[in-house]
Amino acid sequence: MYAAIHLASAERTRADIFLSTDDRLIKKAKRNIQLIHVPVDNPVQWLLNVT
């Protein structure tokens, strides 16, 4: 539940990305990508893609 609140806050503040280690949250966010307006990823995966 707290992660969902953090995700909503990230959307509200127009964050560039939302990083989380909560696999369930990441999977749900990726399944509902059309509803979520901020990219969601695992910090390790994001770092590997950025570098």
PDB file of N, CA and C in Angstrom:
ATOM      1  N   MET A   1       0.821  -1.185   0.000  1.00  0.00           N
ATOM      2  CA  MET A   1       0.000   0.000   0.000  1.00  0.00           C
ATOM      3  C   MET A   1       0.869   1.255   0.000  1.00  0.00           C
ATOM      4  N   TYR A   2       1.919   1.264   0.813  1.00  0.00           N
ATOM      5  CA  TYR A   2       2.784   2.445   0.857  1.00  0.00           C
ATOM      6  C   TYR A   2       3.451   2.681  -0.488  1.00  0.00           C
ATOM      7  N   ALA A   3       3.813   1.616  -1.168  1.00  0.00           N
ATOM      8  CA  ALA A   3       4.448   1.756  -2.475  1.00  0.00           C
ATOM      9  C   ALA A   3       3.488   2.404  -3.465  1.00  0.00           C
ATOM     10  N   ALA A   4       2.217   2.056  -3.391  1.00  0.00           N
ATOM     11  CA  ALA A   4       1.221   2.662  -4.276  1.00  0.00           C
ATOM     12  C   ALA A   4       1.079   4.151  -3.999  1.00  0.00           C
ATOM     13  N   ILE A   5       1.152   4.538  -2.760  1.00  0.00           N
ATOM     14  CA  ILE A   5       1.096   5.958  -2.406  1.00  0.00           C
ATOM     15  C   ILE A   5       2.329   6.671  -2.937  1.00  0.00           C
ATOM     16  N   HIS A   6       3.486   6.032  -2.833  1.00  0.00           N
ATOM     17  CA  HIS A   6       4.708   6.629  -3.362  1.00  0.00           C
ATOM     18  C   HIS A   6       4.636   6.762  -4.884  1.00  0.00           C
ATOM     19  N   LEU A   7       4.062   5.763  -5.536  1.00  0.00           N
ATOM     20  CA  LEU A   7       3.912   5.820  -6.989  1.00  0.00           C
ATOM     21  C   LEU A   7       2.971   6.961  -7.380  1.00  0.00           C
ATOM     22  N   ALA A   8       1.881   7.100  -6.659  1.00  0.00           N
ATOM     23  CA  ALA A   8       0.950   8.203  -6.932  1.00  0.00           C
ATOM     24  C   ALA A   8       1.633   9.553  -6.721  1.00  0.00           C
ATOM     25  N   SER A   9       2.464   9.648  -5.714  1.00  0.00           N
ATOM     26  CA  SER A   9       3.216  10.887  -5.470  1.00  0.00           C
ATOM     27  C   SER A   9       4.199  11.159  -6.599  1.00  0.00           C
ATOM     28  N   ALA A  10       4.824  10.120  -7.098  1.00  0.00           N
ATOM     29  CA  ALA A  10       5.765  10.280  -8.209  1.00  0.00           C
ATOM     30  C   ALA A  10       5.042  10.785  -9.459  1.00  0.00           C
ATOM     31  N   GLU A  11       3.845  10.272  -9.698  1.00  0.00           N
ATOM     32  CA  GLU A  11       3.057  10.751 -10.832  1.00  0.00           C
ATOM     33  C   GLU A  11       2.646  12.198 -10.633  1.00  0.00           C
ATOM     34  N   ARG A  12       2.194  12.502  -9.442  1.00  0.00           N
ATOM     35  CA  ARG A  12       1.719  13.860  -9.140  1.00  0.00           C
ATOM     36  C   ARG A  12       2.821  14.904  -9.312  1.00  0.00           C
ATOM     37  N   THR A  13       4.043  14.548  -8.944  1.00  0.00           N
ATOM     38  CA  THR A  13       5.159  15.491  -9.044  1.00  0.00           C
ATOM     39  C   THR A  13       5.892  15.384 -10.383  1.00  0.00           C
ATOM     40  N   ARG A  14       5.365  14.535 -11.272  1.00  0.00           N
ATOM     41  CA  ARG A  14       5.943  14.338 -12.605  1.00  0.00           C
ATOM     42  C   ARG A  14       7.403  13.888 -12.551  1.00  0.00           C
ATOM     43  N   ALA A  15       7.637  12.881 -11.739  1.00  0.00           N
ATOM     44  CA  ALA A  15       8.989  12.318 -11.623  1.00  0.00           C
ATOM     45  C   ALA A  15       9.413  11.704 -12.957  1.00  0.00           C
ATOM     46  N   ASP A  16      10.700  11.675 -13.195  1.00  0.00           N
ATOM     47  CA  ASP A  16      11.219  11.088 -14.431  1.00  0.00           C
ATOM     48  C   ASP A  16      11.114   9.566 -14.413  1.00  0.00           C
ATOM     49  N   ILE A  17      11.273   8.983 -13.225  1.00  0.00           N
ATOM     50  CA  ILE A  17      11.194   7.527 -13.080  1.00  0.00           C
ATOM     51  C   ILE A  17      10.873   7.185 -11.630  1.00  0.00           C
ATOM     52  N   PHE A  18      10.237   6.054 -11.415  1.00  0.00           N
ATOM     53  CA  PHE A  18       9.945   5.553 -10.080  1.00  0.00           C
ATOM     54  C   PHE A  18      10.690   4.237  -9.924  1.00  0.00           C
ATOM     55  N   LEU A  19      11.635   4.194  -9.002  1.00  0.00           N
ATOM     56  CA  LEU A  19      12.427   2.989  -8.764  1.00  0.00           C
ATOM     57  C   LEU A  19      11.926   2.281  -7.517  1.00  0.00           C
ATOM     58  N   SER A  20      11.766   0.966  -7.621  1.00  0.00           N
ATOM     59  CA  SER A  20      11.262   0.179  -6.503  1.00  0.00           C
ATOM     60  C   SER A  20      11.842  -1.225  -6.564  1.00  0.00           C
ATOM     61  N   THR A  21      11.987  -1.828  -5.402  1.00  0.00           N
ATOM     62  CA  THR A  21      12.403  -3.229  -5.346  1.00  0.00           C
ATOM     63  C   THR A  21      11.211  -4.155  -5.123  1.00  0.00           C
ATOM     64  N   ASP A  22      10.020  -3.603  -5.120  1.00  0.00           N
ATOM     65  CA  ASP A  22       8.785  -4.366  -4.935  1.00  0.00           C
ATOM     66  C   ASP A  22       8.381  -4.983  -6.277  1.00  0.00           C
ATOM     67  N   ASP A  23       8.704  -6.264  -6.455  1.00  0.00           N
ATOM     68  CA  ASP A  23       8.440  -6.936  -7.725  1.00  0.00           C
ATOM     69  C   ASP A  23       6.959  -6.950  -8.087  1.00  0.00           C
ATOM     70  N   ARG A  24       6.102  -7.124  -7.104  1.00  0.00           N
ATOM     71  CA  ARG A  24       4.658  -7.124  -7.386  1.00  0.00           C
ATOM     72  C   ARG A  24       4.208  -5.772  -7.934  1.00  0.00           C
ATOM     73  N   LEU A  25       4.696  -4.701  -7.329  1.00  0.00           N
ATOM     74  CA  LEU A  25       4.331  -3.363  -7.786  1.00  0.00           C
ATOM     75  C   LEU A  25       4.847  -3.121  -9.207  1.00  0.00           C
ATOM     76  N   ILE A  26       6.070  -3.519  -9.479  1.00  0.00           N
ATOM     77  CA  ILE A  26       6.659  -3.327 -10.808  1.00  0.00           C
ATOM     78  C   ILE A  26       5.853  -4.089 -11.857  1.00  0.00           C
ATOM     79  N   LYS A  27       5.506  -5.342 -11.565  1.00  0.00           N
ATOM     80  CA  LYS A  27       4.718  -6.141 -12.507  1.00  0.00           C
ATOM     81  C   LYS A  27       3.354  -5.515 -12.774  1.00  0.00           C
ATOM     82  N   LYS A  28       2.681  -5.055 -11.712  1.00  0.00           N
ATOM     83  CA  LYS A  28       1.380  -4.414 -11.885  1.00  0.00           C
ATOM     84  C   LYS A  28       1.499  -3.128 -12.685  1.00  0.00           C
ATOM     85  N   ALA A  29       2.532  -2.366 -12.420  1.00  0.00           N
ATOM     86  CA  ALA A  29       2.736  -1.104 -13.141  1.00  0.00           C
ATOM     87  C   ALA A  29       2.986  -1.374 -14.624  1.00  0.00           C
ATOM     88  N   LYS A  30       3.781  -2.382 -14.927  1.00  0.00           N
ATOM     89  CA  LYS A  30       4.078  -2.689 -16.327  1.00  0.00           C
ATOM     90  C   LYS A  30       2.865  -3.267 -17.039  1.00  0.00           C
ATOM     91  N   ARG A  31       1.998  -3.983 -16.301  1.00  0.00           N
ATOM     92  CA  ARG A  31       0.758  -4.490 -16.892  1.00  0.00           C
ATOM     93  C   ARG A  31      -0.216  -3.358 -17.199  1.00  0.00           C
ATOM     94  N   ASN A  32      -0.158  -2.298 -16.409  1.00  0.00           N
ATOM     95  CA  ASN A  32      -1.077  -1.170 -16.560  1.00  0.00           C
ATOM     96  C   ASN A  32      -0.353   0.084 -17.053  1.00  0.00           C
ATOM     97  N   ILE A  33       0.568  -0.110 -17.957  1.00  0.00           N
ATOM     98  CA  ILE A  33       1.422   0.987 -18.421  1.00  0.00           C
ATOM     99  C   ILE A  33       0.618   2.138 -19.018  1.00  0.00           C
ATOM    100  N   GLN A  34      -0.545   1.847 -19.606  1.00  0.00           N
ATOM    101  CA  GLN A  34      -1.355   2.902 -20.211  1.00  0.00           C
ATOM    102  C   GLN A  34      -2.003   3.803 -19.161  1.00  0.00           C
ATOM    103  N   LEU A  35      -2.081   3.350 -17.926  1.00  0.00           N
ATOM    104  CA  LEU A  35      -2.695   4.137 -16.849  1.00  0.00           C
ATOM    105  C   LEU A  35      -1.681   4.894 -15.998  1.00  0.00           C
ATOM    106  N   ILE A  36      -0.444   4.441 -16.030  1.00  0.00           N
ATOM    107  CA  ILE A  36       0.596   5.034 -15.184  1.00  0.00           C
ATOM    108  C   ILE A  36       1.474   5.918 -16.056  1.00  0.00           C
ATOM    109  N   HIS A  37       1.672   7.137 -15.616  1.00  0.00           N
ATOM    110  CA  HIS A  37       2.366   8.129 -16.440  1.00  0.00           C
ATOM    111  C   HIS A  37       3.794   8.392 -15.999  1.00  0.00           C
ATOM    112  N   VAL A  38       4.367   7.458 -15.283  1.00  0.00           N
ATOM    113  CA  VAL A  38       5.776   7.551 -14.885  1.00  0.00           C
ATOM    114  C   VAL A  38       6.375   6.153 -15.056  1.00  0.00           C
ATOM    115  N   PRO A  39       7.544   6.061 -15.675  1.00  0.00           N
ATOM    116  CA  PRO A  39       8.164   4.738 -15.824  1.00  0.00           C
ATOM    117  C   PRO A  39       8.497   4.130 -14.456  1.00  0.00           C
ATOM    118  N   VAL A  40       8.289   2.829 -14.330  1.00  0.00           N
ATOM    119  CA  VAL A  40       8.556   2.108 -13.084  1.00  0.00           C
ATOM    120  C   VAL A  40       9.563   1.005 -13.387  1.00  0.00           C
ATOM    121  N   ASP A  41      10.604   0.936 -12.569  1.00  0.00           N
ATOM    122  CA  ASP A  41      11.618  -0.085 -12.805  1.00  0.00           C
ATOM    123  C   ASP A  41      12.340  -0.423 -11.507  1.00  0.00           C
ATOM    124  N   ASN A  42      13.035  -1.547 -11.542  1.00  0.00           N
ATOM    125  CA  ASN A  42      13.895  -1.962 -10.444  1.00  0.00           C
ATOM    126  C   ASN A  42      15.188  -1.143 -10.535  1.00  0.00           C
ATOM    127  N   PRO A  43      15.731  -0.659  -9.428  1.00  0.00           N
ATOM    128  CA  PRO A  43      16.935   0.177  -9.486  1.00  0.00           C
ATOM    129  C   PRO A  43      18.123  -0.501 -10.169  1.00  0.00           C
ATOM    130  N   VAL A  44      18.304  -1.797  -9.939  1.00  0.00           N
ATOM    131  CA  VAL A  44      19.427  -2.506 -10.552  1.00  0.00           C
ATOM    132  C   VAL A  44      19.227  -2.601 -12.059  1.00  0.00           C
ATOM    133  N   GLN A  45      18.033  -2.985 -12.493  1.00  0.00           N
ATOM    134  CA  GLN A  45      17.748  -3.075 -13.925  1.00  0.00           C
ATOM    135  C   GLN A  45      17.864  -1.716 -14.601  1.00  0.00           C
ATOM    136  N   TRP A  46      17.372  -0.699 -13.950  1.00  0.00           N
ATOM    137  CA  TRP A  46      17.443   0.653 -14.503  1.00  0.00           C
ATOM    138  C   TRP A  46      18.905   1.083 -14.677  1.00  0.00           C
ATOM    139  N   LEU A  47      19.715   0.819 -13.660  1.00  0.00           N
ATOM    140  CA  LEU A  47      21.122   1.192 -13.728  1.00  0.00           C
ATOM    141  C   LEU A  47      21.846   0.443 -14.842  1.00  0.00           C
ATOM    142  N   LEU A  48      21.538  -0.832 -15.022  1.00  0.00           N
ATOM    143  CA  LEU A  48      22.158  -1.604 -16.093  1.00  0.00           C
ATOM    144  C   LEU A  48      21.765  -1.063 -17.471  1.00  0.00           C
ATOM    145  N   ASN A  49      20.541  -0.588 -17.604  1.00  0.00           N
ATOM    146  CA  ASN A  49      20.079  -0.035 -18.883  1.00  0.00           C
ATOM    147  C   ASN A  49      20.639   1.346 -19.154  1.00  0.00           C
ATOM    148  N   VAL A  50      20.879   2.121 -18.115  1.00  0.00           N
ATOM    149  CA  VAL A  50      21.354   3.496 -18.267  1.00  0.00           C
ATOM    150  C   VAL A  50      22.842   3.539 -18.581  1.00  0.00           C
ATOM    151  N   THR A  51      23.596   2.623 -17.990  1.00  0.00           N
ATOM    152  CA  THR A  51      25.053   2.669 -18.192  1.00  0.00           C
ATOM    153  C   THR A  51      25.486   1.883 -19.399  1.00  0.00           C
TER     154      THR A  51
END
